[in-house]
Amino acid sequence: IIPLPHAPTISSMGSTSDPTSDAVRAYKEMSRFRESIQ
């Protein structure tokens, strides 16, 4: 599962508390993919 933003970590993508940030959106969708595959 690969996030679209070119970044080494989730937190380096942006704010982890702002729901509109790249970090939060990427983490939520990555988690959704993982749970769907499970």
PDB file of all heavy atoms in Angstrom:
ATOM      1  N   ILE A   1       0.873  -1.177   0.000  1.00  0.00           N
ATOM      2  CA  ILE A   1       0.000   0.000   0.000  1.00  0.00           C
ATOM      3  C   ILE A   1       0.908   1.224   0.000  1.00  0.00           C
ATOM      4  O   ILE A   1       1.757   1.378   0.881  1.00  0.00           O
ATOM      5  CB  ILE A   1      -0.931   0.022   1.218  1.00  0.00           C
ATOM      6  CG1 ILE A   1      -1.769  -1.265   1.283  1.00  0.00           C
ATOM      7  CG2 ILE A   1      -1.846   1.240   1.179  1.00  0.00           C
ATOM      8  CD1 ILE A   1      -2.649  -1.367   2.506  1.00  0.00           C
ATOM      9  N   ILE A   2       0.733   2.081  -0.996  1.00  0.00           N
ATOM     10  CA  ILE A   2       1.668   3.187  -1.221  1.00  0.00           C
ATOM     11  C   ILE A   2       0.910   4.513  -1.234  1.00  0.00           C
ATOM     12  O   ILE A   2       0.014   4.717  -2.060  1.00  0.00           O
ATOM     13  CB  ILE A   2       2.402   3.001  -2.562  1.00  0.00           C
ATOM     14  CG1 ILE A   2       3.072   1.619  -2.616  1.00  0.00           C
ATOM     15  CG2 ILE A   2       3.423   4.108  -2.777  1.00  0.00           C
ATOM     16  CD1 ILE A   2       3.642   1.265  -3.977  1.00  0.00           C
ATOM     17  N   PRO A   3       1.248   5.443  -0.346  1.00  0.00           N
ATOM     18  CA  PRO A   3       0.598   6.762  -0.381  1.00  0.00           C
ATOM     19  C   PRO A   3       1.068   7.547  -1.602  1.00  0.00           C
ATOM     20  O   PRO A   3       2.213   7.396  -2.049  1.00  0.00           O
ATOM     21  CB  PRO A   3       1.046   7.420   0.923  1.00  0.00           C
ATOM     22  CG  PRO A   3       2.366   6.772   1.232  1.00  0.00           C
ATOM     23  CD  PRO A   3       2.256   5.358   0.723  1.00  0.00           C
ATOM     24  N   LEU A   4       0.219   8.395  -2.137  1.00  0.00           N
ATOM     25  CA  LEU A   4       0.596   9.186  -3.311  1.00  0.00           C
ATOM     26  C   LEU A   4       1.644  10.253  -2.999  1.00  0.00           C
ATOM     27  O   LEU A   4       2.552  10.469  -3.798  1.00  0.00           O
ATOM     28  CB  LEU A   4      -0.649   9.827  -3.929  1.00  0.00           C
ATOM     29  CG  LEU A   4      -1.710   8.851  -4.452  1.00  0.00           C
ATOM     30  CD1 LEU A   4      -2.845   9.611  -5.120  1.00  0.00           C
ATOM     31  CD2 LEU A   4      -1.120   7.853  -5.428  1.00  0.00           C
ATOM     32  N   PRO A   5       1.558  10.958  -1.854  1.00  0.00           N
ATOM     33  CA  PRO A   5       2.595  11.964  -1.575  1.00  0.00           C
ATOM     34  C   PRO A   5       3.970  11.321  -1.442  1.00  0.00           C
ATOM     35  O   PRO A   5       4.117  10.249  -0.847  1.00  0.00           O
ATOM     36  CB  PRO A   5       2.137  12.581  -0.247  1.00  0.00           C
ATOM     37  CG  PRO A   5       0.673  12.320  -0.177  1.00  0.00           C
ATOM     38  CD  PRO A   5       0.482  10.988  -0.843  1.00  0.00           C
ATOM     39  N   HIS A   6       4.972  11.979  -2.001  1.00  0.00           N
ATOM     40  CA  HIS A   6       6.348  11.485  -1.932  1.00  0.00           C
ATOM     41  C   HIS A   6       6.934  11.921  -0.594  1.00  0.00           C
ATOM     42  O   HIS A   6       7.389  13.054  -0.438  1.00  0.00           O
ATOM     43  CB  HIS A   6       7.155  12.056  -3.098  1.00  0.00           C
ATOM     44  CG  HIS A   6       8.592  11.618  -3.129  1.00  0.00           C
ATOM     45  ND1 HIS A   6       8.964  10.319  -3.355  1.00  0.00           N
ATOM     46  CD2 HIS A   6       9.749  12.321  -2.949  1.00  0.00           C
ATOM     47  CE1 HIS A   6      10.285  10.224  -3.337  1.00  0.00           C
ATOM     48  NE2 HIS A   6      10.783  11.421  -3.076  1.00  0.00           N
ATOM     49  N   ALA A   7       6.904  11.036   0.393  1.00  0.00           N
ATOM     50  CA  ALA A   7       7.342  11.389   1.742  1.00  0.00           C
ATOM     51  C   ALA A   7       7.841  10.133   2.450  1.00  0.00           C
ATOM     52  O   ALA A   7       7.348   9.032   2.201  1.00  0.00           O
ATOM     53  CB  ALA A   7       6.188  12.017   2.527  1.00  0.00           C
ATOM     54  N   PRO A   8       8.811  10.275   3.370  1.00  0.00           N
ATOM     55  CA  PRO A   8       9.388   9.106   4.052  1.00  0.00           C
ATOM     56  C   PRO A   8       8.518   8.556   5.173  1.00  0.00           C
ATOM     57  O   PRO A   8       8.621   7.386   5.518  1.00  0.00           O
ATOM     58  CB  PRO A   8      10.710   9.639   4.599  1.00  0.00           C
ATOM     59  CG  PRO A   8      10.466  11.105   4.803  1.00  0.00           C
ATOM     60  CD  PRO A   8       9.558  11.512   3.693  1.00  0.00           C
ATOM     61  N   THR A   9       7.685   9.394   5.766  1.00  0.00           N
ATOM     62  CA  THR A   9       6.831   8.979   6.878  1.00  0.00           C
ATOM     63  C   THR A   9       5.473   9.654   6.748  1.00  0.00           C
ATOM     64  O   THR A   9       5.324  10.641   6.022  1.00  0.00           O
ATOM     65  CB  THR A   9       7.441   9.372   8.241  1.00  0.00           C
ATOM     66  OG1 THR A   9       7.484  10.810   8.329  1.00  0.00           O
ATOM     67  CG2 THR A   9       8.850   8.812   8.413  1.00  0.00           C
ATOM     68  N   ILE A  10       4.497   9.131   7.471  1.00  0.00           N
ATOM     69  CA  ILE A  10       3.176   9.766   7.463  1.00  0.00           C
ATOM     70  C   ILE A  10       3.248  11.180   8.007  1.00  0.00           C
ATOM     71  O   ILE A  10       2.708  12.129   7.422  1.00  0.00           O
ATOM     72  CB  ILE A  10       2.174   8.926   8.304  1.00  0.00           C
ATOM     73  CG1 ILE A  10       1.705   7.710   7.506  1.00  0.00           C
ATOM     74  CG2 ILE A  10       0.956   9.759   8.708  1.00  0.00           C
ATOM     75  CD1 ILE A  10       0.726   8.010   6.387  1.00  0.00           C
ATOM     76  N   SER A  11       3.933  11.355   9.139  1.00  0.00           N
ATOM     77  CA  SER A  11       3.949  12.674   9.771  1.00  0.00           C
ATOM     78  C   SER A  11       4.692  13.715   8.945  1.00  0.00           C
ATOM     79  O   SER A  11       4.468  14.911   9.106  1.00  0.00           O
ATOM     80  CB  SER A  11       4.567  12.583  11.171  1.00  0.00           C
ATOM     81  OG  SER A  11       5.865  12.033  11.123  1.00  0.00           O
ATOM     82  N   SER A  12       5.573  13.275   8.022  1.00  0.00           N
ATOM     83  CA  SER A  12       6.274  14.250   7.176  1.00  0.00           C
ATOM     84  C   SER A  12       5.393  14.774   6.047  1.00  0.00           C
ATOM     85  O   SER A  12       5.778  15.684   5.329  1.00  0.00           O
ATOM     86  CB  SER A  12       7.537  13.616   6.586  1.00  0.00           C
ATOM     87  OG  SER A  12       7.215  12.571   5.686  1.00  0.00           O
ATOM     88  N   MET A  13       4.204  14.186   5.878  1.00  0.00           N
ATOM     89  CA  MET A  13       3.277  14.652   4.839  1.00  0.00           C
ATOM     90  C   MET A  13       2.511  15.894   5.258  1.00  0.00           C
ATOM     91  O   MET A  13       1.899  16.561   4.429  1.00  0.00           O
ATOM     92  CB  MET A  13       2.274  13.548   4.485  1.00  0.00           C
ATOM     93  CG  MET A  13       2.889  12.310   3.889  1.00  0.00           C
ATOM     94  SD  MET A  13       1.625  11.056   3.569  1.00  0.00           S
ATOM     95  CE  MET A  13       2.649   9.606   3.361  1.00  0.00           C
ATOM     96  N   GLY A  14       2.502  16.199   6.555  1.00  0.00           N
ATOM     97  CA  GLY A  14       1.752  17.355   7.024  1.00  0.00           C
ATOM     98  C   GLY A  14       1.191  17.110   8.412  1.00  0.00           C
ATOM     99  O   GLY A  14       1.566  16.150   9.098  1.00  0.00           O
ATOM    100  N   SER A  15       0.290  17.966   8.810  1.00  0.00           N
ATOM    101  CA  SER A  15      -0.300  17.881  10.136  1.00  0.00           C
ATOM    102  C   SER A  15      -1.019  16.552  10.326  1.00  0.00           C
ATOM    103  O   SER A  15      -1.736  16.086   9.440  1.00  0.00           O
ATOM    104  CB  SER A  15      -1.297  19.032  10.339  1.00  0.00           C
ATOM    105  OG  SER A  15      -2.053  18.838  11.515  1.00  0.00           O
ATOM    106  N   THR A  16      -0.821  15.936  11.497  1.00  0.00           N
ATOM    107  CA  THR A  16      -1.517  14.685  11.806  1.00  0.00           C
ATOM    108  C   THR A  16      -2.777  14.925  12.622  1.00  0.00           C
ATOM    109  O   THR A  16      -3.436  13.970  13.041  1.00  0.00           O
ATOM    110  CB  THR A  16      -0.592  13.729  12.571  1.00  0.00           C
ATOM    111  OG1 THR A  16      -0.127  14.379  13.760  1.00  0.00           O
ATOM    112  CG2 THR A  16       0.596  13.323  11.710  1.00  0.00           C
ATOM    113  N   SER A  17      -3.100  16.200  12.857  1.00  0.00           N
ATOM    114  CA  SER A  17      -4.317  16.523  13.601  1.00  0.00           C
ATOM    115  C   SER A  17      -5.353  17.244  12.750  1.00  0.00           C
ATOM    116  O   SER A  17      -6.527  17.280  13.091  1.00  0.00           O
ATOM    117  CB  SER A  17      -3.977  17.387  14.823  1.00  0.00           C
ATOM    118  OG  SER A  17      -3.300  18.574  14.435  1.00  0.00           O
ATOM    119  N   ASP A  18      -4.911  17.792  11.609  1.00  0.00           N
ATOM    120  CA  ASP A  18      -5.830  18.488  10.700  1.00  0.00           C
ATOM    121  C   ASP A  18      -6.465  17.456   9.762  1.00  0.00           C
ATOM    122  O   ASP A  18      -5.771  16.836   8.956  1.00  0.00           O
ATOM    123  CB  ASP A  18      -5.064  19.530   9.895  1.00  0.00           C
ATOM    124  CG  ASP A  18      -5.945  20.266   8.887  1.00  0.00           C
ATOM    125  OD1 ASP A  18      -7.171  20.006   8.845  1.00  0.00           O
ATOM    126  OD2 ASP A  18      -5.401  21.106   8.139  1.00  0.00           O
ATOM    127  N   PRO A  19      -7.776  17.246   9.840  1.00  0.00           N
ATOM    128  CA  PRO A  19      -8.414  16.202   9.012  1.00  0.00           C
ATOM    129  C   PRO A  19      -8.323  16.448   7.512  1.00  0.00           C
ATOM    130  O   PRO A  19      -8.561  15.542   6.731  1.00  0.00           O
ATOM    131  CB  PRO A  19      -9.874  16.213   9.492  1.00  0.00           C
ATOM    132  CG  PRO A  19     -10.054  17.533  10.167  1.00  0.00           C
ATOM    133  CD  PRO A  19      -8.735  17.917  10.734  1.00  0.00           C
ATOM    134  N   THR A  20      -7.967  17.673   7.106  1.00  0.00           N
ATOM    135  CA  THR A  20      -7.868  17.974   5.674  1.00  0.00           C
ATOM    136  C   THR A  20      -6.445  17.809   5.145  1.00  0.00           C
ATOM    137  O   THR A  20      -6.209  17.973   3.948  1.00  0.00           O
ATOM    138  CB  THR A  20      -8.345  19.406   5.386  1.00  0.00           C
ATOM    139  OG1 THR A  20      -7.452  20.351   6.027  1.00  0.00           O
ATOM    140  CG2 THR A  20      -9.757  19.629   5.896  1.00  0.00           C
ATOM    141  N   SER A  21      -5.486  17.505   6.010  1.00  0.00           N
ATOM    142  CA  SER A  21      -4.089  17.429   5.574  1.00  0.00           C
ATOM    143  C   SER A  21      -3.827  16.161   4.768  1.00  0.00           C
ATOM    144  O   SER A  21      -4.557  15.168   4.862  1.00  0.00           O
ATOM    145  CB  SER A  21      -3.152  17.456   6.785  1.00  0.00           C
ATOM    146  OG  SER A  21      -3.203  16.216   7.484  1.00  0.00           O
ATOM    147  N   ASP A  22      -2.738  16.191   3.988  1.00  0.00           N
ATOM    148  CA  ASP A  22      -2.340  15.019   3.207  1.00  0.00           C
ATOM    149  C   ASP A  22      -2.071  13.830   4.122  1.00  0.00           C
ATOM    150  O   ASP A  22      -2.393  12.687   3.786  1.00  0.00           O
ATOM    151  CB  ASP A  22      -1.081  15.329   2.393  1.00  0.00           C
ATOM    152  CG  ASP A  22      -1.344  16.223   1.203  1.00  0.00           C
ATOM    153  OD1 ASP A  22      -2.533  16.450   0.892  1.00  0.00           O
ATOM    154  OD2 ASP A  22      -0.378  16.708   0.591  1.00  0.00           O
ATOM    155  N   ALA A  23      -1.453  14.091   5.287  1.00  0.00           N
ATOM    156  CA  ALA A  23      -1.096  13.018   6.196  1.00  0.00           C
ATOM    157  C   ALA A  23      -2.324  12.262   6.689  1.00  0.00           C
ATOM    158  O   ALA A  23      -2.370  11.026   6.659  1.00  0.00           O
ATOM    159  CB  ALA A  23      -0.316  13.583   7.384  1.00  0.00           C
ATOM    160  N   VAL A  24      -3.328  13.000   7.132  1.00  0.00           N
ATOM    161  CA  VAL A  24      -4.530  12.363   7.675  1.00  0.00           C
ATOM    162  C   VAL A  24      -5.297  11.629   6.585  1.00  0.00           C
ATOM    163  O   VAL A  24      -5.734  10.487   6.759  1.00  0.00           O
ATOM    164  CB  VAL A  24      -5.425  13.399   8.379  1.00  0.00           C
ATOM    165  CG1 VAL A  24      -6.739  12.764   8.823  1.00  0.00           C
ATOM    166  CG2 VAL A  24      -4.702  13.995   9.583  1.00  0.00           C
ATOM    167  N   ARG A  25      -5.452  12.278   5.438  1.00  0.00           N
ATOM    168  CA  ARG A  25      -6.201  11.647   4.343  1.00  0.00           C
ATOM    169  C   ARG A  25      -5.498  10.377   3.860  1.00  0.00           C
ATOM    170  O   ARG A  25      -6.136   9.353   3.618  1.00  0.00           O
ATOM    171  CB  ARG A  25      -6.380  12.620   3.187  1.00  0.00           C
ATOM    172  CG  ARG A  25      -7.287  13.811   3.502  1.00  0.00           C
ATOM    173  CD  ARG A  25      -7.811  14.451   2.223  1.00  0.00           C
ATOM    174  NE  ARG A  25      -6.747  14.754   1.299  1.00  0.00           N
ATOM    175  CZ  ARG A  25      -6.080  15.911   1.253  1.00  0.00           C
ATOM    176  NH1 ARG A  25      -6.399  16.869   2.106  1.00  0.00           N
ATOM    177  NH2 ARG A  25      -5.120  16.123   0.382  1.00  0.00           N
ATOM    178  N   ALA A  26      -4.156  10.448   3.731  1.00  0.00           N
ATOM    179  CA  ALA A  26      -3.411   9.274   3.267  1.00  0.00           C
ATOM    180  C   ALA A  26      -3.515   8.142   4.285  1.00  0.00           C
ATOM    181  O   ALA A  26      -3.754   6.979   3.921  1.00  0.00           O
ATOM    182  CB  ALA A  26      -1.948   9.638   3.022  1.00  0.00           C
ATOM    183  N   TYR A  27      -3.338   8.448   5.570  1.00  0.00           N
ATOM    184  CA  TYR A  27      -3.378   7.422   6.605  1.00  0.00           C
ATOM    185  C   TYR A  27      -4.740   6.736   6.661  1.00  0.00           C
ATOM    186  O   TYR A  27      -4.831   5.511   6.776  1.00  0.00           O
ATOM    187  CB  TYR A  27      -3.048   8.037   7.965  1.00  0.00           C
ATOM    188  CG  TYR A  27      -2.886   7.024   9.074  1.00  0.00           C
ATOM    189  CD1 TYR A  27      -1.685   6.341   9.239  1.00  0.00           C
ATOM    190  CD2 TYR A  27      -3.932   6.744   9.950  1.00  0.00           C
ATOM    191  CE1 TYR A  27      -1.526   5.403  10.253  1.00  0.00           C
ATOM    192  CE2 TYR A  27      -3.784   5.806  10.962  1.00  0.00           C
ATOM    193  CZ  TYR A  27      -2.578   5.143  11.109  1.00  0.00           C
ATOM    194  OH  TYR A  27      -2.432   4.217  12.104  1.00  0.00           O
ATOM    195  N   LYS A  28      -5.795   7.521   6.546  1.00  0.00           N
ATOM    196  CA  LYS A  28      -7.140   6.944   6.606  1.00  0.00           C
ATOM    197  C   LYS A  28      -7.395   6.014   5.422  1.00  0.00           C
ATOM    198  O   LYS A  28      -7.959   4.932   5.579  1.00  0.00           O
ATOM    199  CB  LYS A  28      -8.187   8.062   6.650  1.00  0.00           C
ATOM    200  CG  LYS A  28      -8.283   8.767   7.988  1.00  0.00           C
ATOM    201  CD  LYS A  28      -9.407   9.797   7.994  1.00  0.00           C
ATOM    202  CE  LYS A  28      -9.568  10.424   9.369  1.00  0.00           C
ATOM    203  NZ  LYS A  28     -10.647  11.447   9.392  1.00  0.00           N
ATOM    204  N   GLU A  29      -6.969   6.435   4.226  1.00  0.00           N
ATOM    205  CA  GLU A  29      -7.243   5.582   3.069  1.00  0.00           C
ATOM    206  C   GLU A  29      -6.328   4.362   3.052  1.00  0.00           C
ATOM    207  O   GLU A  29      -6.756   3.267   2.654  1.00  0.00           O
ATOM    208  CB  GLU A  29      -7.107   6.366   1.767  1.00  0.00           C
ATOM    209  CG  GLU A  29      -7.631   5.591   0.573  1.00  0.00           C
ATOM    210  CD  GLU A  29      -7.743   6.428  -0.682  1.00  0.00           C
ATOM    211  OE1 GLU A  29      -6.722   6.551  -1.394  1.00  0.00           O
ATOM    212  OE2 GLU A  29      -8.832   6.958  -0.959  1.00  0.00           O
ATOM    213  N   MET A  30      -5.085   4.506   3.505  1.00  0.00           N
ATOM    214  CA  MET A  30      -4.211   3.340   3.603  1.00  0.00           C
ATOM    215  C   MET A  30      -4.807   2.326   4.575  1.00  0.00           C
ATOM    216  O   MET A  30      -4.807   1.115   4.304  1.00  0.00           O
ATOM    217  CB  MET A  30      -2.818   3.766   4.058  1.00  0.00           C
ATOM    218  CG  MET A  30      -2.040   4.581   3.030  1.00  0.00           C
ATOM    219  SD  MET A  30      -0.453   5.201   3.657  1.00  0.00           S
ATOM    220  CE  MET A  30       0.550   3.706   3.596  1.00  0.00           C
ATOM    221  N   SER A  31      -5.323   2.808   5.699  1.00  0.00           N
ATOM    222  CA  SER A  31      -5.954   1.921   6.675  1.00  0.00           C
ATOM    223  C   SER A  31      -7.194   1.259   6.091  1.00  0.00           C
ATOM    224  O   SER A  31      -7.461   0.076   6.333  1.00  0.00           O
ATOM    225  CB  SER A  31      -6.321   2.701   7.937  1.00  0.00           C
ATOM    226  OG  SER A  31      -5.178   3.260   8.546  1.00  0.00           O
ATOM    227  N   ARG A  32      -7.936   2.019   5.298  1.00  0.00           N
ATOM    228  CA  ARG A  32      -9.147   1.463   4.683  1.00  0.00           C
ATOM    229  C   ARG A  32      -8.797   0.354   3.706  1.00  0.00           C
ATOM    230  O   ARG A  32      -9.464  -0.685   3.658  1.00  0.00           O
ATOM    231  CB  ARG A  32      -9.929   2.577   3.993  1.00  0.00           C
ATOM    232  CG  ARG A  32     -11.311   2.147   3.513  1.00  0.00           C
ATOM    233  CD  ARG A  32     -12.047   3.317   2.897  1.00  0.00           C
ATOM    234  NE  ARG A  32     -13.379   2.906   2.441  1.00  0.00           N
ATOM    235  CZ  ARG A  32     -14.194   3.689   1.746  1.00  0.00           C
ATOM    236  NH1 ARG A  32     -13.835   4.929   1.435  1.00  0.00           N
ATOM    237  NH2 ARG A  32     -15.378   3.242   1.349  1.00  0.00           N
ATOM    238  N   PHE A  33      -7.733   0.552   2.910  1.00  0.00           N
ATOM    239  CA  PHE A  33      -7.289  -0.496   1.994  1.00  0.00           C
ATOM    240  C   PHE A  33      -6.854  -1.740   2.786  1.00  0.00           C
ATOM    241  O   PHE A  33      -7.191  -2.871   2.428  1.00  0.00           O
ATOM    242  CB  PHE A  33      -6.127  -0.003   1.139  1.00  0.00           C
ATOM    243  CG  PHE A  33      -6.527   0.557  -0.198  1.00  0.00           C
ATOM    244  CD1 PHE A  33      -6.074   1.802  -0.622  1.00  0.00           C
ATOM    245  CD2 PHE A  33      -7.347  -0.159  -1.054  1.00  0.00           C
ATOM    246  CE1 PHE A  33      -6.433   2.316  -1.855  1.00  0.00           C
ATOM    247  CE2 PHE A  33      -7.707   0.341  -2.297  1.00  0.00           C
ATOM    248  CZ  PHE A  33      -7.252   1.586  -2.692  1.00  0.00           C
ATOM    249  N   ARG A  34      -6.076  -1.535   3.863  1.00  0.00           N
ATOM    250  CA  ARG A  34      -5.612  -2.667   4.653  1.00  0.00           C
ATOM    251  C   ARG A  34      -6.787  -3.454   5.217  1.00  0.00           C
ATOM    252  O   ARG A  34      -6.818  -4.698   5.147  1.00  0.00           O
ATOM    253  CB  ARG A  34      -4.696  -2.166   5.787  1.00  0.00           C
ATOM    254  CG  ARG A  34      -4.219  -3.255   6.731  1.00  0.00           C
ATOM    255  CD  ARG A  34      -3.095  -2.754   7.646  1.00  0.00           C
ATOM    256  NE  ARG A  34      -3.473  -1.586   8.399  1.00  0.00           N
ATOM    257  CZ  ARG A  34      -4.111  -1.585   9.562  1.00  0.00           C
ATOM    258  NH1 ARG A  34      -4.461  -2.741  10.105  1.00  0.00           N
ATOM    259  NH2 ARG A  34      -4.389  -0.464  10.191  1.00  0.00           N
ATOM    260  N   GLU A  35      -7.757  -2.749   5.759  1.00  0.00           N
ATOM    261  CA  GLU A  35      -8.910  -3.423   6.353  1.00  0.00           C
ATOM    262  C   GLU A  35      -9.755  -4.128   5.290  1.00  0.00           C
ATOM    263  O   GLU A  35     -10.301  -5.210   5.536  1.00  0.00           O
ATOM    264  CB  GLU A  35      -9.745  -2.406   7.125  1.00  0.00           C
ATOM    265  CG  GLU A  35      -9.031  -1.891   8.378  1.00  0.00           C
ATOM    266  CD  GLU A  35      -9.621  -0.600   8.915  1.00  0.00           C
ATOM    267  OE1 GLU A  35     -10.623  -0.108   8.321  1.00  0.00           O
ATOM    268  OE2 GLU A  35      -9.094  -0.075   9.913  1.00  0.00           O
ATOM    269  N   SER A  36      -9.843  -3.545   4.107  1.00  0.00           N
ATOM    270  CA  SER A  36     -10.615  -4.173   3.021  1.00  0.00           C
ATOM    271  C   SER A  36      -9.951  -5.457   2.556  1.00  0.00           C
ATOM    272  O   SER A  36     -10.617  -6.471   2.296  1.00  0.00           O
ATOM    273  CB  SER A  36     -10.766  -3.194   1.845  1.00  0.00           C
ATOM    274  OG  SER A  36     -11.494  -2.043   2.225  1.00  0.00           O
ATOM    275  N   ILE A  37      -8.625  -5.431   2.433  1.00  0.00           N
ATOM    276  CA  ILE A  37      -7.898  -6.639   2.030  1.00  0.00           C
ATOM    277  C   ILE A  37      -8.025  -7.717   3.105  1.00  0.00           C
ATOM    278  O   ILE A  37      -8.207  -8.904   2.804  1.00  0.00           O
ATOM    279  CB  ILE A  37      -6.423  -6.315   1.749  1.00  0.00           C
ATOM    280  CG1 ILE A  37      -6.311  -5.408   0.508  1.00  0.00           C
ATOM    281  CG2 ILE A  37      -5.616  -7.587   1.523  1.00  0.00           C
ATOM    282  CD1 ILE A  37      -4.912  -4.906   0.242  1.00  0.00           C
ATOM    283  N   GLN A  38      -7.932  -7.317   4.371  1.00  0.00           N
ATOM    284  CA  GLN A  38      -8.109  -8.278   5.459  1.00  0.00           C
ATOM    285  C   GLN A  38      -9.470  -8.964   5.360  1.00  0.00           C
ATOM    286  O   GLN A  38      -9.563 -10.193   5.477  1.00  0.00           O
ATOM    287  CB  GLN A  38      -7.999  -7.551   6.816  1.00  0.00           C
ATOM    288  CG  GLN A  38      -6.593  -7.110   7.159  1.00  0.00           C
ATOM    289  CD  GLN A  38      -6.514  -6.264   8.424  1.00  0.00           C
ATOM    290  OE1 GLN A  38      -5.438  -5.970   8.908  1.00  0.00           O
ATOM    291  NE2 GLN A  38      -7.649  -5.856   8.955  1.00  0.00           N
TER     292      GLN A  38
END
